[in-house]
Amino acid sequence: MKNTIVGVDLAKDVIQVCIYTNKKVRSNIEMTPPEFIEFLANYTSL
């Protein structure tokens, strides 16, 4: 079974998103709120 964890740190001006799968960090991205909304709209599991 493949588990994917998406951690989100909501700050004032930037949002940090970390994607963790199979015991490894796959992505650690800093984005603006509009970029985060687009990310959520387009996100598919890795």
N, C-alpha and C. Protein backbone atom coordinates (compact mmCIF):
# COMPACT_ATOMS: atom_id res chain seq x y z
N MET A 1 0.84 -1.18 0.00
CA MET A 1 0.00 0.00 0.00
C MET A 1 0.88 1.24 0.00
N LYS A 2 0.57 2.18 -0.86
CA LYS A 2 1.36 3.40 -0.98
C LYS A 2 0.62 4.53 -0.26
N ASN A 3 1.25 5.08 0.77
CA ASN A 3 0.68 6.21 1.51
C ASN A 3 1.37 7.49 1.09
N THR A 4 0.60 8.54 0.97
CA THR A 4 1.13 9.86 0.68
C THR A 4 0.65 10.81 1.75
N ILE A 5 1.59 11.53 2.36
CA ILE A 5 1.26 12.53 3.37
C ILE A 5 1.61 13.89 2.79
N VAL A 6 0.66 14.81 2.88
CA VAL A 6 0.90 16.18 2.43
C VAL A 6 0.80 17.07 3.66
N GLY A 7 1.93 17.66 4.05
CA GLY A 7 1.96 18.58 5.18
C GLY A 7 1.92 20.01 4.68
N VAL A 8 1.10 20.84 5.34
CA VAL A 8 0.94 22.22 4.92
C VAL A 8 1.18 23.14 6.11
N ASP A 9 2.09 24.09 5.94
CA ASP A 9 2.38 25.10 6.95
C ASP A 9 1.81 26.43 6.44
N LEU A 10 0.75 26.89 7.10
CA LEU A 10 0.10 28.13 6.68
C LEU A 10 0.72 29.30 7.44
N ALA A 11 1.40 30.15 6.73
CA ALA A 11 2.01 31.34 7.32
C ALA A 11 1.29 32.57 6.76
N LYS A 12 1.82 33.74 7.05
CA LYS A 12 1.16 34.96 6.60
C LYS A 12 1.23 35.16 5.09
N ASP A 13 2.42 35.15 4.52
CA ASP A 13 2.58 35.49 3.10
C ASP A 13 2.93 34.30 2.21
N VAL A 14 3.47 33.24 2.79
CA VAL A 14 3.84 32.07 2.00
C VAL A 14 3.28 30.81 2.67
N ILE A 15 3.11 29.78 1.87
CA ILE A 15 2.64 28.49 2.34
C ILE A 15 3.69 27.46 1.97
N GLN A 16 4.11 26.66 2.94
CA GLN A 16 5.11 25.62 2.72
C GLN A 16 4.37 24.29 2.60
N VAL A 17 4.61 23.56 1.52
CA VAL A 17 3.95 22.28 1.28
C VAL A 17 5.02 21.20 1.15
N CYS A 18 4.90 20.16 1.96
CA CYS A 18 5.84 19.04 1.94
C CYS A 18 5.07 17.77 1.59
N ILE A 19 5.54 17.04 0.58
CA ILE A 19 4.91 15.79 0.17
C ILE A 19 5.86 14.65 0.52
N TYR A 20 5.33 13.68 1.28
CA TYR A 20 6.12 12.59 1.84
C TYR A 20 5.48 11.27 1.41
N THR A 21 6.22 10.44 0.67
CA THR A 21 5.74 9.12 0.27
C THR A 21 6.82 8.08 0.45
N ASN A 22 6.41 6.90 0.84
CA ASN A 22 7.33 5.77 1.00
C ASN A 22 8.57 6.12 1.81
N LYS A 23 8.35 6.81 2.93
CA LYS A 23 9.42 7.16 3.88
C LYS A 23 10.45 8.12 3.30
N LYS A 24 10.07 8.89 2.27
CA LYS A 24 10.98 9.86 1.66
C LYS A 24 10.23 11.16 1.36
N VAL A 25 10.93 12.28 1.54
CA VAL A 25 10.37 13.57 1.15
C VAL A 25 10.48 13.68 -0.36
N ARG A 26 9.35 13.80 -1.02
CA ARG A 26 9.33 13.89 -2.48
C ARG A 26 9.37 15.33 -2.97
N SER A 27 8.83 16.22 -2.15
CA SER A 27 8.76 17.62 -2.56
C SER A 27 8.61 18.49 -1.33
N ASN A 28 9.26 19.64 -1.33
CA ASN A 28 9.14 20.62 -0.26
C ASN A 28 9.12 21.98 -0.95
N ILE A 29 7.92 22.54 -1.10
CA ILE A 29 7.73 23.71 -1.95
C ILE A 29 7.20 24.89 -1.14
N GLU A 30 7.72 26.07 -1.43
CA GLU A 30 7.19 27.31 -0.87
C GLU A 30 6.36 27.97 -1.96
N MET A 31 5.13 28.38 -1.62
CA MET A 31 4.27 29.01 -2.62
C MET A 31 3.39 30.08 -2.00
N THR A 32 2.86 30.92 -2.85
CA THR A 32 1.95 31.97 -2.42
C THR A 32 0.54 31.38 -2.29
N PRO A 33 -0.37 32.06 -1.60
CA PRO A 33 -1.74 31.54 -1.50
C PRO A 33 -2.40 31.26 -2.85
N PRO A 34 -2.29 32.13 -3.87
CA PRO A 34 -2.88 31.79 -5.17
C PRO A 34 -2.24 30.53 -5.80
N GLU A 35 -0.94 30.37 -5.64
CA GLU A 35 -0.26 29.17 -6.17
C GLU A 35 -0.74 27.93 -5.43
N PHE A 36 -1.00 28.05 -4.13
CA PHE A 36 -1.48 26.92 -3.33
C PHE A 36 -2.87 26.50 -3.78
N ILE A 37 -3.73 27.45 -4.07
CA ILE A 37 -5.08 27.13 -4.57
C ILE A 37 -4.98 26.37 -5.89
N GLU A 38 -4.10 26.82 -6.77
CA GLU A 38 -3.90 26.12 -8.05
C GLU A 38 -3.32 24.72 -7.82
N PHE A 39 -2.38 24.60 -6.89
CA PHE A 39 -1.79 23.30 -6.54
C PHE A 39 -2.88 22.33 -6.09
N LEU A 40 -3.77 22.78 -5.19
CA LEU A 40 -4.84 21.92 -4.70
C LEU A 40 -5.80 21.51 -5.81
N ALA A 41 -6.08 22.43 -6.72
CA ALA A 41 -6.99 22.14 -7.82
C ALA A 41 -6.41 21.10 -8.78
N ASN A 42 -5.08 21.07 -8.91
CA ASN A 42 -4.43 20.19 -9.88
C ASN A 42 -3.73 18.99 -9.27
N TYR A 43 -3.74 18.85 -7.93
CA TYR A 43 -2.97 17.81 -7.26
C TYR A 43 -3.52 16.42 -7.56
N THR A 44 -2.63 15.52 -7.95
CA THR A 44 -2.96 14.10 -8.04
C THR A 44 -1.89 13.37 -7.25
N SER A 45 -2.23 12.26 -6.68
CA SER A 45 -1.30 11.50 -5.86
C SER A 45 -0.06 11.11 -6.65
N LEU A 46 1.09 11.17 -6.00
CA LEU A 46 2.35 10.82 -6.66
C LEU A 46 2.51 9.32 -6.76
